[in-house]
Amino acid sequence: MLSQEFISAICGPPLAANTAVSKDVGIYSHSLTPSHTIKASFKKSSTPVNGLAVSQTHIFTAQDQKAHVHVYSRVRGNQEALVPFPDRIRSLALAGQVLVLGSAEGRLFLWE
């Protein structure tokens, strides 16, 4: 049977008060096997566009209008670290084992 997993992130408050979206949850791990299920949800994150990077073991998220990155464990399903940076992070990506971060001021950070 085919199985597919994907990660999604949201940013901002719910559009309506009676929405089914939890207020604290900002990242979801989904599974499609042929029915859809949410495998895990990660709290306390507001991730902008281009602010999510996923490895086999971790999820890295830049925080909207903030100068830090949240690190979540996919294995344990919890937040492992909050890493501060000198500038607000606008985008991030994984290049092998290195996290590449671009700041709002145009600086590039490499974090191993």
N, C-alpha and C. Protein backbone atom coordinates (compact mmCIF):
# COMPACT_ATOMS: atom_id res chain seq x y z
N MET A 1 0.84 -1.17 0.00
CA MET A 1 0.00 0.00 0.00
C MET A 1 0.89 1.24 0.00
N LEU A 2 0.54 2.22 -0.81
CA LEU A 2 1.29 3.47 -0.87
C LEU A 2 1.06 4.28 0.39
N SER A 3 2.10 4.94 0.83
CA SER A 3 2.02 5.79 2.01
C SER A 3 2.83 7.05 1.75
N GLN A 4 2.28 8.19 2.12
CA GLN A 4 2.96 9.46 1.92
C GLN A 4 2.84 10.29 3.18
N GLU A 5 3.95 10.91 3.59
CA GLU A 5 3.94 11.82 4.74
C GLU A 5 4.32 13.21 4.27
N PHE A 6 3.72 14.24 4.88
CA PHE A 6 4.12 15.61 4.59
C PHE A 6 3.91 16.46 5.83
N ILE A 7 4.64 17.58 5.87
CA ILE A 7 4.62 18.51 7.00
C ILE A 7 4.02 19.82 6.51
N SER A 8 3.13 20.42 7.30
CA SER A 8 2.57 21.72 6.96
C SER A 8 2.72 22.65 8.16
N ALA A 9 2.81 23.96 7.87
CA ALA A 9 2.95 24.96 8.92
C ALA A 9 1.99 26.10 8.64
N ILE A 10 1.49 26.71 9.72
CA ILE A 10 0.58 27.84 9.58
C ILE A 10 1.15 29.04 10.33
N CYS A 11 0.70 30.22 9.93
CA CYS A 11 1.17 31.46 10.55
C CYS A 11 -0.03 32.38 10.72
N GLY A 12 -0.19 32.94 11.90
CA GLY A 12 -1.25 33.89 12.14
C GLY A 12 -2.38 33.33 12.96
N PRO A 13 -3.26 34.21 13.41
CA PRO A 13 -4.40 33.77 14.22
C PRO A 13 -5.47 33.11 13.37
N PRO A 14 -6.37 32.32 13.98
CA PRO A 14 -7.49 31.72 13.23
C PRO A 14 -8.37 32.81 12.62
N LEU A 15 -8.96 32.52 11.47
CA LEU A 15 -9.82 33.50 10.80
C LEU A 15 -11.15 33.67 11.51
N ALA A 16 -11.63 32.64 12.18
CA ALA A 16 -12.90 32.71 12.90
C ALA A 16 -12.73 32.10 14.28
N ALA A 17 -13.58 32.51 15.21
CA ALA A 17 -13.47 32.03 16.58
C ALA A 17 -13.82 30.55 16.70
N ASN A 18 -14.68 30.05 15.82
CA ASN A 18 -15.14 28.66 15.93
C ASN A 18 -14.40 27.72 14.99
N THR A 19 -13.17 28.05 14.63
CA THR A 19 -12.41 27.21 13.71
C THR A 19 -11.94 25.93 14.39
N ALA A 20 -11.67 24.91 13.61
CA ALA A 20 -11.21 23.63 14.16
C ALA A 20 -9.70 23.62 14.38
N VAL A 21 -9.01 24.70 14.01
CA VAL A 21 -7.56 24.79 14.18
C VAL A 21 -7.25 25.15 15.62
N SER A 22 -6.39 24.37 16.25
CA SER A 22 -5.99 24.65 17.63
C SER A 22 -5.17 25.93 17.68
N LYS A 23 -5.34 26.73 18.73
CA LYS A 23 -4.69 28.03 18.81
C LYS A 23 -3.18 27.93 19.00
N ASP A 24 -2.70 26.92 19.73
CA ASP A 24 -1.27 26.79 20.01
C ASP A 24 -0.51 26.05 18.92
N VAL A 25 -1.18 25.23 18.14
CA VAL A 25 -0.50 24.37 17.18
C VAL A 25 -0.18 25.16 15.91
N GLY A 26 1.09 25.05 15.45
CA GLY A 26 1.49 25.74 14.24
C GLY A 26 2.08 24.83 13.19
N ILE A 27 2.42 23.58 13.55
CA ILE A 27 3.03 22.64 12.62
C ILE A 27 2.31 21.31 12.73
N TYR A 28 2.01 20.71 11.57
CA TYR A 28 1.30 19.43 11.53
C TYR A 28 2.09 18.43 10.69
N SER A 29 2.16 17.19 11.14
CA SER A 29 2.73 16.09 10.38
C SER A 29 1.57 15.21 9.92
N HIS A 30 1.38 15.10 8.61
CA HIS A 30 0.25 14.38 8.03
C HIS A 30 0.70 13.05 7.44
N SER A 31 -0.23 12.13 7.35
CA SER A 31 0.02 10.84 6.71
C SER A 31 -1.14 10.51 5.79
N LEU A 32 -0.82 10.12 4.55
CA LEU A 32 -1.84 9.70 3.59
C LEU A 32 -1.62 8.22 3.29
N THR A 33 -2.50 7.37 3.79
CA THR A 33 -2.35 5.91 3.60
C THR A 33 -3.68 5.21 3.49
N PRO A 34 -4.38 5.09 2.56
CA PRO A 34 -5.10 5.96 1.65
C PRO A 34 -6.00 6.99 2.33
N SER A 35 -6.24 6.90 3.63
CA SER A 35 -7.01 7.95 4.30
C SER A 35 -6.06 8.93 4.97
N HIS A 36 -6.54 10.14 5.20
CA HIS A 36 -5.72 11.20 5.78
C HIS A 36 -5.79 11.16 7.31
N THR A 37 -4.63 11.24 7.96
CA THR A 37 -4.56 11.36 9.42
C THR A 37 -3.46 12.34 9.78
N ILE A 38 -3.63 13.01 10.91
CA ILE A 38 -2.58 13.87 11.45
C ILE A 38 -1.78 13.03 12.43
N LYS A 39 -0.51 12.78 12.10
CA LYS A 39 0.34 11.93 12.94
C LYS A 39 0.84 12.67 14.17
N ALA A 40 1.18 13.94 14.01
CA ALA A 40 1.73 14.71 15.12
C ALA A 40 1.44 16.19 14.90
N SER A 41 1.39 16.94 15.99
CA SER A 41 1.27 18.39 15.91
C SER A 41 2.27 19.00 16.88
N PHE A 42 2.84 20.13 16.48
CA PHE A 42 3.88 20.78 17.26
C PHE A 42 3.41 22.18 17.63
N LYS A 43 3.49 22.51 18.91
CA LYS A 43 2.92 23.76 19.41
C LYS A 43 3.95 24.89 19.45
N LYS A 44 3.40 26.08 19.69
CA LYS A 44 4.18 27.30 19.91
C LYS A 44 5.05 27.67 18.72
N SER A 45 4.46 27.67 17.54
CA SER A 45 5.19 28.05 16.35
C SER A 45 4.31 28.87 15.43
N SER A 46 4.87 29.94 14.90
CA SER A 46 4.21 30.76 13.89
C SER A 46 5.21 30.91 12.75
N THR A 47 5.08 30.05 11.76
CA THR A 47 6.10 29.90 10.72
C THR A 47 5.72 30.66 9.45
N PRO A 48 6.57 31.59 8.99
CA PRO A 48 6.27 32.30 7.74
C PRO A 48 6.57 31.43 6.52
N VAL A 49 6.23 31.94 5.35
CA VAL A 49 6.55 31.27 4.09
C VAL A 49 8.08 31.14 3.99
N ASN A 50 8.57 30.01 3.53
CA ASN A 50 10.00 29.69 3.42
C ASN A 50 10.69 29.57 4.77
N GLY A 51 9.93 29.33 5.83
CA GLY A 51 10.52 29.25 7.17
C GLY A 51 10.50 27.87 7.77
N LEU A 52 10.39 26.82 6.94
CA LEU A 52 10.29 25.45 7.44
C LEU A 52 11.31 24.57 6.72
N ALA A 53 12.07 23.79 7.50
CA ALA A 53 13.00 22.80 6.94
C ALA A 53 12.84 21.52 7.73
N VAL A 54 12.85 20.37 7.03
CA VAL A 54 12.58 19.09 7.66
C VAL A 54 13.70 18.11 7.33
N SER A 55 14.23 17.45 8.37
CA SER A 55 15.20 16.37 8.18
C SER A 55 14.53 15.06 8.61
N GLN A 56 15.27 13.97 8.57
CA GLN A 56 14.72 12.68 8.99
C GLN A 56 14.34 12.68 10.47
N THR A 57 15.06 13.45 11.29
CA THR A 57 14.85 13.41 12.74
C THR A 57 14.32 14.70 13.33
N HIS A 58 14.44 15.83 12.62
CA HIS A 58 14.07 17.12 13.21
C HIS A 58 13.28 18.00 12.24
N ILE A 59 12.56 18.96 12.83
CA ILE A 59 11.86 20.00 12.09
C ILE A 59 12.41 21.33 12.59
N PHE A 60 12.84 22.20 11.67
CA PHE A 60 13.38 23.51 12.00
C PHE A 60 12.41 24.56 11.48
N THR A 61 12.02 25.53 12.34
CA THR A 61 11.08 26.55 11.91
C THR A 61 11.55 27.94 12.34
N ALA A 62 11.62 28.85 11.37
CA ALA A 62 11.85 30.26 11.69
C ALA A 62 10.54 30.79 12.26
N GLN A 63 10.62 31.77 13.13
CA GLN A 63 9.43 32.33 13.74
C GLN A 63 9.12 33.69 13.11
N ASP A 64 7.85 33.91 12.81
CA ASP A 64 7.41 35.12 12.13
C ASP A 64 7.75 36.36 12.96
N GLN A 65 8.48 37.30 12.36
CA GLN A 65 8.87 38.57 12.96
C GLN A 65 9.72 38.41 14.22
N LYS A 66 10.44 37.29 14.35
CA LYS A 66 11.30 37.07 15.51
C LYS A 66 12.67 36.61 15.05
N ALA A 67 13.64 36.71 15.96
CA ALA A 67 15.03 36.38 15.63
C ALA A 67 15.45 35.05 16.25
N HIS A 68 14.58 34.06 16.16
CA HIS A 68 14.97 32.74 16.65
C HIS A 68 14.31 31.63 15.85
N VAL A 69 14.88 30.42 16.03
CA VAL A 69 14.43 29.23 15.32
C VAL A 69 14.04 28.18 16.35
N HIS A 70 12.89 27.55 16.14
CA HIS A 70 12.48 26.43 16.99
C HIS A 70 12.95 25.13 16.36
N VAL A 71 13.42 24.22 17.20
CA VAL A 71 13.87 22.90 16.75
C VAL A 71 12.98 21.86 17.42
N TYR A 72 12.30 21.03 16.60
CA TYR A 72 11.40 20.00 17.10
C TYR A 72 11.95 18.62 16.75
N SER A 73 11.76 17.67 17.64
CA SER A 73 12.15 16.28 17.38
C SER A 73 10.98 15.55 16.74
N ARG A 74 11.19 14.96 15.57
CA ARG A 74 10.14 14.17 14.94
C ARG A 74 9.95 12.84 15.66
N VAL A 75 11.02 12.33 16.27
CA VAL A 75 10.96 11.04 16.96
C VAL A 75 10.17 11.16 18.27
N ARG A 76 10.52 12.16 19.09
CA ARG A 76 9.86 12.34 20.39
C ARG A 76 8.57 13.15 20.30
N GLY A 77 8.44 13.96 19.26
CA GLY A 77 7.23 14.76 19.08
C GLY A 77 7.17 15.97 19.98
N ASN A 78 8.33 16.55 20.35
CA ASN A 78 8.32 17.73 21.21
C ASN A 78 9.34 18.75 20.73
N GLN A 79 9.29 19.94 21.36
CA GLN A 79 10.25 20.99 21.04
C GLN A 79 11.53 20.72 21.82
N GLU A 80 12.66 20.70 21.10
CA GLU A 80 13.95 20.42 21.74
C GLU A 80 14.74 21.68 22.06
N ALA A 81 14.63 22.70 21.23
CA ALA A 81 15.45 23.89 21.46
C ALA A 81 14.80 25.12 20.85
N LEU A 82 15.18 26.27 21.40
CA LEU A 82 14.85 27.57 20.84
C LEU A 82 16.20 28.27 20.65
N VAL A 83 16.59 28.50 19.40
CA VAL A 83 17.92 29.01 19.09
C VAL A 83 17.81 30.49 18.69
N PRO A 84 18.41 31.41 19.48
CA PRO A 84 18.36 32.83 19.13
C PRO A 84 19.42 33.20 18.09
N PHE A 85 19.11 34.19 17.27
CA PHE A 85 20.04 34.73 16.28
C PHE A 85 20.04 36.24 16.40
N PRO A 86 21.09 36.92 15.90
CA PRO A 86 21.14 38.38 16.03
C PRO A 86 20.15 39.12 15.12
N ASP A 87 19.67 38.49 14.05
CA ASP A 87 18.73 39.12 13.12
C ASP A 87 17.48 38.25 12.97
N ARG A 88 16.39 38.88 12.49
CA ARG A 88 15.18 38.11 12.19
C ARG A 88 15.45 37.18 11.01
N ILE A 89 14.97 35.96 11.11
CA ILE A 89 15.19 34.95 10.07
C ILE A 89 14.04 35.01 9.06
N ARG A 90 14.37 35.15 7.77
CA ARG A 90 13.36 35.24 6.71
C ARG A 90 13.18 33.93 5.96
N SER A 91 14.25 33.12 5.87
CA SER A 91 14.14 31.85 5.16
C SER A 91 15.18 30.88 5.71
N LEU A 92 14.88 29.59 5.55
CA LEU A 92 15.85 28.57 5.95
C LEU A 92 15.67 27.34 5.09
N ALA A 93 16.77 26.58 4.99
CA ALA A 93 16.79 25.36 4.18
C ALA A 93 17.88 24.44 4.72
N LEU A 94 17.73 23.16 4.45
CA LEU A 94 18.74 22.18 4.84
C LEU A 94 19.60 21.84 3.63
N ALA A 95 20.91 21.83 3.84
CA ALA A 95 21.87 21.39 2.83
C ALA A 95 22.69 20.28 3.46
N GLY A 96 22.24 19.05 3.31
CA GLY A 96 22.88 17.92 4.00
C GLY A 96 22.60 18.00 5.49
N GLN A 97 23.64 18.14 6.29
CA GLN A 97 23.50 18.25 7.74
C GLN A 97 23.61 19.70 8.22
N VAL A 98 23.65 20.66 7.30
CA VAL A 98 23.82 22.07 7.65
C VAL A 98 22.51 22.82 7.40
N LEU A 99 22.09 23.59 8.40
CA LEU A 99 20.91 24.44 8.25
C LEU A 99 21.38 25.80 7.75
N VAL A 100 20.84 26.24 6.63
CA VAL A 100 21.21 27.52 6.03
C VAL A 100 20.08 28.50 6.31
N LEU A 101 20.42 29.63 6.94
CA LEU A 101 19.43 30.62 7.34
C LEU A 101 19.74 31.96 6.68
N GLY A 102 18.72 32.61 6.15
CA GLY A 102 18.86 33.95 5.59
C GLY A 102 18.12 34.94 6.45
N SER A 103 18.77 36.06 6.79
CA SER A 103 18.16 37.03 7.69
C SER A 103 17.49 38.16 6.92
N ALA A 104 16.67 38.93 7.61
CA ALA A 104 15.97 40.07 7.00
C ALA A 104 16.96 41.16 6.60
N GLU A 105 18.13 41.21 7.24
CA GLU A 105 19.14 42.21 6.95
C GLU A 105 20.11 41.76 5.86
N GLY A 106 19.91 40.56 5.30
CA GLY A 106 20.74 40.08 4.20
C GLY A 106 21.92 39.21 4.62
N ARG A 107 22.00 38.85 5.88
CA ARG A 107 23.09 37.99 6.35
C ARG A 107 22.73 36.53 6.13
N LEU A 108 23.77 35.71 6.00
CA LEU A 108 23.60 34.28 5.82
C LEU A 108 24.25 33.57 7.00
N PHE A 109 23.51 32.66 7.64
CA PHE A 109 24.02 31.89 8.77
C PHE A 109 24.04 30.41 8.38
N LEU A 110 25.11 29.72 8.74
CA LEU A 110 25.22 28.28 8.54
C LEU A 110 25.31 27.65 9.92
N TRP A 111 24.41 26.72 10.21
CA TRP A 111 24.35 26.11 11.55
C TRP A 111 24.41 24.60 11.39
N GLU A 112 25.43 23.99 12.01
CA GLU A 112 25.61 22.54 11.90
C GLU A 112 25.15 21.85 13.17
